[in-house]
Protein backbone atom coordinates (compact mmCIF):
# COMPACT_ATOMS: atom_id res chain seq x y z
CA MET A 1 -14.12 -30.21 -46.65
CA SER A 2 -10.99 -32.14 -45.65
CA GLU A 3 -10.14 -33.15 -42.10
CA SER A 4 -7.35 -30.56 -42.00
CA THR A 5 -9.85 -27.88 -43.05
CA MET A 6 -12.18 -29.01 -40.27
CA GLN A 7 -9.34 -28.77 -37.75
CA THR A 8 -8.60 -25.25 -39.03
CA LYS A 9 -12.22 -24.28 -38.43
CA VAL A 10 -12.14 -25.70 -34.90
CA LYS A 11 -9.01 -23.63 -34.26
CA GLY A 12 -10.97 -20.66 -35.60
CA LEU A 13 -13.58 -21.20 -32.90
CA MET A 14 -10.82 -21.02 -30.31
CA GLN A 15 -9.41 -17.68 -31.44
CA PRO A 16 -9.81 -14.90 -28.84
CA LEU A 17 -13.12 -13.09 -29.02
CA PRO A 18 -13.00 -9.44 -30.15
CA ASP A 19 -12.76 -7.02 -27.24
CA ASN A 20 -16.17 -5.55 -28.06
CA GLU A 21 -17.71 -9.02 -27.55
CA ILE A 22 -16.55 -9.06 -23.92
CA GLU A 23 -18.85 -7.55 -21.32
CA LEU A 24 -18.27 -6.69 -17.68
CA ARG A 25 -20.24 -7.07 -14.50
CA VAL A 26 -19.49 -6.24 -10.88
CA GLY A 27 -18.44 -9.03 -8.54
CA ASN A 28 -18.66 -8.73 -4.76
CA ILE A 29 -17.97 -5.21 -3.49
CA PHE A 30 -15.92 -4.93 -0.32
CA LYS A 31 -14.59 -2.20 1.91
CA TYR A 32 -10.97 -2.15 2.98
CA GLY A 33 -9.94 0.61 5.34
CA GLU A 34 -11.72 3.73 4.07
CA LYS A 35 -11.76 2.55 0.46
CA PHE A 36 -14.02 0.39 -1.67
CA GLY A 37 -13.10 -2.12 -4.32
CA CYS A 38 -14.36 -5.07 -6.32
CA ILE A 39 -13.30 -7.68 -8.83
CA MET A 40 -14.83 -6.97 -12.23
CA LEU A 41 -15.94 -10.12 -14.04
CA ALA A 42 -15.37 -10.34 -17.80
CA TYR A 43 -17.82 -12.60 -19.60
CA LYS A 44 -19.21 -13.48 -23.01
CA THR A 45 -22.88 -13.51 -23.96
CA PRO A 46 -24.74 -16.27 -25.84
CA ARG A 47 -24.83 -13.87 -28.80
CA ALA A 48 -21.03 -13.99 -28.95
CA ASP A 49 -21.08 -17.80 -29.10
CA ALA A 50 -23.74 -17.87 -31.81
CA ARG A 51 -21.94 -15.22 -33.85
CA ARG A 52 -18.60 -17.09 -33.64
CA LEU A 53 -20.24 -20.39 -34.66
CA ASP A 54 -21.98 -18.68 -37.60
CA ASP A 55 -18.86 -16.82 -38.74
CA VAL A 56 -16.48 -19.78 -38.55
CA LEU A 57 -18.69 -22.74 -39.45
CA GLY A 58 -21.63 -21.22 -41.29
CA SER A 59 -25.13 -21.13 -39.86
CA MET A 60 -26.11 -24.45 -41.48
CA ASN A 61 -23.20 -26.41 -40.01
CA TRP A 62 -23.99 -26.27 -36.30
CA GLN A 63 -26.98 -26.70 -34.05
CA LYS A 64 -27.81 -26.68 -30.35
CA ARG A 65 -30.05 -28.98 -28.34
CA TYR A 66 -31.26 -28.91 -24.74
CA TYR A 67 -32.23 -31.75 -22.44
CA GLN A 68 -32.50 -32.55 -18.74
CA ASP A 69 -29.94 -34.99 -17.35
CA SER A 70 -30.63 -37.61 -14.68
CA LYS A 71 -30.08 -35.02 -11.93
CA GLY A 72 -32.50 -32.53 -13.45
CA ASN A 73 -29.78 -30.20 -14.76
CA THR A 74 -30.34 -28.34 -18.02
CA VAL A 75 -27.73 -29.47 -20.55
CA CYS A 76 -26.93 -27.78 -23.85
CA ALA A 77 -25.35 -29.88 -26.60
CA VAL A 78 -23.67 -27.97 -29.43
CA ASP A 79 -23.34 -30.15 -32.51
CA VAL A 80 -20.87 -29.33 -35.29
CA TRP A 81 -21.20 -31.06 -38.66
CA CYS A 82 -18.10 -32.98 -39.74
CA PRO A 83 -18.35 -33.53 -43.53
CA THR A 84 -15.47 -36.02 -43.68
CA LYS A 85 -17.13 -38.37 -41.20
CA LYS A 86 -20.64 -37.30 -42.28
CA CYS A 87 -21.86 -37.00 -38.71
CA TRP A 88 -22.41 -34.47 -35.94
CA VAL A 89 -19.64 -34.00 -33.36
CA THR A 90 -20.99 -32.92 -30.00
CA LYS A 91 -19.68 -31.04 -26.97
CA GLU A 92 -22.02 -30.24 -24.12
CA ASP A 93 -22.25 -28.85 -20.60
CA ALA A 94 -24.86 -28.19 -17.92
CA GLY A 95 -26.05 -24.71 -16.99
CA ASP A 96 -26.31 -22.96 -13.64
CA ASP A 97 -29.40 -20.82 -13.05
CA ASN A 98 -27.36 -18.21 -11.12
CA GLN A 99 -30.69 -17.00 -9.73
CA GLN A 100 -31.68 -15.90 -13.24
CA GLY A 101 -34.47 -18.42 -13.71
CA VAL A 102 -35.08 -20.80 -16.60
CA LYS A 103 -33.86 -18.45 -19.34
CA GLY A 104 -30.60 -17.83 -17.48
CA THR A 105 -30.03 -21.57 -17.08
CA TYR A 106 -30.43 -22.18 -20.81
CA SER A 107 -28.13 -19.28 -21.67
CA ASP A 108 -25.50 -20.46 -19.19
CA ALA A 109 -25.61 -24.01 -20.58
CA PHE A 110 -25.10 -22.70 -24.13
CA LYS A 111 -22.15 -20.53 -23.08
CA ARG A 112 -20.53 -23.43 -21.22
CA ALA A 113 -20.96 -25.71 -24.24
CA GLY A 114 -19.29 -22.93 -26.25
CA PHE A 115 -16.37 -22.99 -23.79
CA ALA A 116 -16.09 -26.73 -24.45
CA TRP A 117 -15.56 -25.89 -28.14
CA GLY A 118 -12.99 -23.29 -27.10
CA ILE A 119 -15.07 -20.14 -27.64
CA GLY A 120 -13.92 -17.49 -25.16
CA ARG A 121 -11.72 -19.91 -23.27
CA GLU A 122 -9.05 -17.21 -23.06
CA LEU A 123 -11.21 -15.44 -20.46
CA TYR A 124 -10.07 -18.02 -17.93
CA GLU A 125 -6.52 -16.70 -18.36
CA LEU A 126 -7.28 -13.09 -17.42
CA PRO A 127 -5.74 -11.64 -14.26
CA ASP A 128 -8.03 -10.61 -11.39
CA LEU A 129 -9.63 -7.37 -12.58
CA PHE A 130 -9.40 -5.47 -9.28
CA VAL A 131 -10.93 -2.00 -9.43
CA ASN A 132 -11.09 0.74 -6.81
CA LEU A 133 -14.53 2.32 -6.50
CA SER A 134 -15.47 5.79 -5.32
CA GLU A 135 -17.95 6.33 -2.49
CA ASP A 136 -20.69 7.51 -4.84
CA GLU A 137 -20.36 4.31 -6.94
CA VAL A 138 -21.46 2.12 -4.02
CA GLN A 139 -24.34 1.99 -1.58
CA PHE A 140 -25.16 -0.07 1.48
CA LYS A 141 -28.31 -2.08 0.87
CA ASN A 142 -29.75 -5.20 2.51
CA ASN A 143 -26.73 -5.43 4.82
CA LYS A 144 -24.15 -5.45 2.04
CA TRP A 145 -22.34 -3.10 -0.30
CA VAL A 146 -23.76 -2.98 -3.83
CA GLN A 147 -23.20 -0.76 -6.84
CA SER A 148 -25.09 2.51 -7.11
CA ASN A 149 -26.54 4.02 -10.28
CA LYS A 150 -23.38 6.12 -10.52
CA LEU A 151 -21.41 3.00 -11.51
CA LYS A 152 -22.29 2.81 -15.20
CA ILE A 153 -20.51 -0.47 -15.83
CA LYS A 154 -22.40 -1.12 -19.10
CA LYS A 155 -20.60 1.87 -20.60
CA TRP A 156 -17.14 0.64 -19.60
CA THR A 157 -14.80 -0.83 -22.23
CA PHE A 158 -12.60 -3.93 -22.11
CA GLN A 159 -9.39 -3.82 -24.16
CA ARG A 160 -6.39 -6.06 -24.74
CA ASP A 161 -3.27 -4.43 -26.17
CA ILE A 162 -1.20 -7.29 -27.60
CA LYS A 163 2.54 -6.72 -27.96
CA ALA A 164 5.49 -8.97 -28.79
CA SER A 165 5.64 -10.95 -25.57
CA GLN A 166 2.93 -9.43 -23.41
CA ILE A 167 -0.72 -8.43 -23.29
CA ASP A 168 -1.95 -5.31 -21.53
CA VAL A 169 -5.47 -5.78 -20.15
CA ILE A 170 -7.18 -2.41 -19.76
CA LEU A 171 -10.56 -1.34 -18.38
CA ARG A 172 -11.84 2.18 -19.05
CA ASP A 173 -14.93 3.76 -17.55
CA GLU A 174 -17.59 5.77 -19.36
CA LYS A 175 -15.39 8.87 -19.18
CA GLY A 176 -12.43 7.10 -20.77
CA SER A 177 -10.43 6.99 -17.54
CA VAL A 178 -8.27 3.88 -17.02
CA ARG A 179 -9.66 2.00 -14.03
CA PHE A 180 -7.54 -1.13 -14.39
CA LYS A 181 -4.37 -2.02 -16.28
CA GLU A 182 -2.17 -5.07 -15.89
CA THR A 183 0.37 -6.79 -18.09
CA VAL A 184 0.20 -10.52 -18.77
CA ASP A 185 3.56 -12.05 -19.71
CA ILE A 186 2.83 -14.37 -22.64
CA ASP A 187 6.01 -16.42 -22.25
CA GLU A 188 5.35 -16.97 -18.55
CA ARG A 189 1.70 -17.85 -19.21
CA ASN A 190 2.68 -20.34 -21.92
CA SER A 191 5.26 -21.98 -19.66
CA VAL A 192 2.59 -22.46 -17.00
CA LYS A 193 0.17 -23.87 -19.58
CA LYS A 194 2.89 -26.24 -20.83
CA TYR A 195 3.49 -27.43 -17.26
CA LEU A 196 -0.23 -28.00 -16.66
CA ARG A 197 -0.50 -29.76 -20.02
CA GLY A 198 2.22 -32.18 -18.92
CA MET A 199 0.39 -32.84 -15.65
CA LYS A 200 -2.84 -33.47 -17.56
CA PHE A 201 -1.09 -35.85 -19.97
CA ASP A 202 0.47 -37.88 -17.14
CA LYS A 203 -2.86 -38.12 -15.31
CA PHE A 204 -4.58 -39.24 -18.50
CA CYS A 205 -1.95 -41.92 -19.14
CA ASN A 206 -2.11 -43.18 -15.56
CA ASP A 207 -5.91 -43.36 -15.65
CA VAL A 208 -6.03 -44.97 -19.08
CA SER A 209 -3.42 -47.60 -18.19
CA LEU A 210 -5.89 -49.03 -15.66
CA ILE A 211 -8.75 -49.36 -18.16
CA ASP A 212 -9.46 -52.84 -19.47
CA ASN A 213 -12.26 -52.26 -22.00
CA ILE A 214 -12.69 -50.16 -25.14
CA GLU A 215 -15.94 -48.47 -24.03
CA ASP A 216 -14.37 -46.98 -20.88
CA LEU A 217 -11.28 -46.02 -22.88
CA ASP A 218 -13.37 -44.05 -25.38
CA SER A 219 -15.33 -42.46 -22.53
CA GLU A 220 -12.09 -41.29 -20.88
CA ILE A 221 -10.79 -39.55 -24.01
CA GLU A 222 -14.20 -37.96 -24.71
CA GLU A 223 -14.17 -36.50 -21.20
CA LEU A 224 -10.66 -35.16 -21.78
CA LYS A 225 -11.78 -33.42 -25.00
CA ALA A 226 -14.16 -31.22 -23.02
CA ASP A 227 -11.38 -29.02 -21.62
CA PHE A 228 -8.12 -30.09 -23.26
CA ILE A 229 -6.74 -30.13 -26.79
CA ILE A 230 -6.01 -33.70 -27.87
CA CYS A 231 -2.34 -33.66 -28.87
CA ASP A 232 -0.42 -36.21 -30.94
CA GLU A 233 1.10 -37.78 -27.81
CA ILE A 234 -2.34 -38.52 -26.37
CA LYS A 235 -3.59 -39.91 -29.68
CA SER A 236 -0.55 -42.19 -29.85
CA PHE A 237 -1.00 -43.43 -26.29
CA TYR A 238 -4.73 -43.97 -26.87
CA PHE A 239 -4.12 -46.25 -29.84
CA GLN A 240 -1.34 -48.10 -28.01
CA GLN A 241 -3.65 -48.77 -25.09
CA LYS A 242 -6.46 -49.80 -27.43
CA GLU A 243 -4.17 -52.39 -29.02
CA ARG A 244 -3.14 -53.69 -25.59
CA ILE A 245 -6.76 -54.06 -24.50
CA GLU A 246 -7.60 -55.97 -27.68
CA SER A 247 -4.56 -58.21 -27.21
CA MET A 248 -5.15 -58.51 -23.41
CA GLU A 249 -1.57 -57.38 -22.79
CA PRO A 250 -1.22 -55.67 -19.36
CA PHE A 251 0.46 -52.27 -19.09
CA ASN A 252 0.93 -49.78 -16.29
CA TYR A 253 2.06 -46.26 -17.20
CA GLU A 254 2.80 -45.29 -13.60
CA ASP A 255 5.19 -48.22 -13.09
CA LYS A 256 7.03 -47.26 -16.27
CA HIS A 257 7.25 -43.53 -15.57
CA GLY A 258 7.05 -43.36 -11.78
């Protein structure tokens, strides 16, 4: 497998998950005036991560490991085999128990490591899924509003209708009624992402320009990989800075671009 093929597979991991892989749960329920509402939370399950890794890479080309870090957090490391370098490439993240106990912590760590590889990352770009609730879908319990058994959220469906320059995000209840619909402008979203990407690049360059050893330089770019695609500009600047460190030539990005 060539490096370009490997990059294609990594891009495959980052493709949006199928709508039927996205599940919903109820966020905090609140009362405003005489009405009730909540923000529905769209999420992926560990099964979706495992299925995507199997489908794109093959079941023999990835593995997951768990360990406790120095603070006692449960960390999941997802290793992907790179045949060109003949080594495992790792991305990892710590889990949050979310009051779900040990099993929930391990599942959360795996899902977050999957996000680091780009699996389901598009969920961060969804609009707030605000839904009005009827009185029989809520109940007052333990001094707060919670969902009643009339709110059959497990039977709801999540759907994205992708058009030329926009995406309609739609939630339907168990009866097929539309409970939420909002349009995401793709061009506007991409312009915002481009702006944030530029901010991230400038911050990286400013931080890296202050580094005076190769170990810290490599650590900085590894940290960046966790939530940002390494573009050609960053690669170029990395190697320029590496050469300057080796030659002991000082450089300050902020002075040059401030």
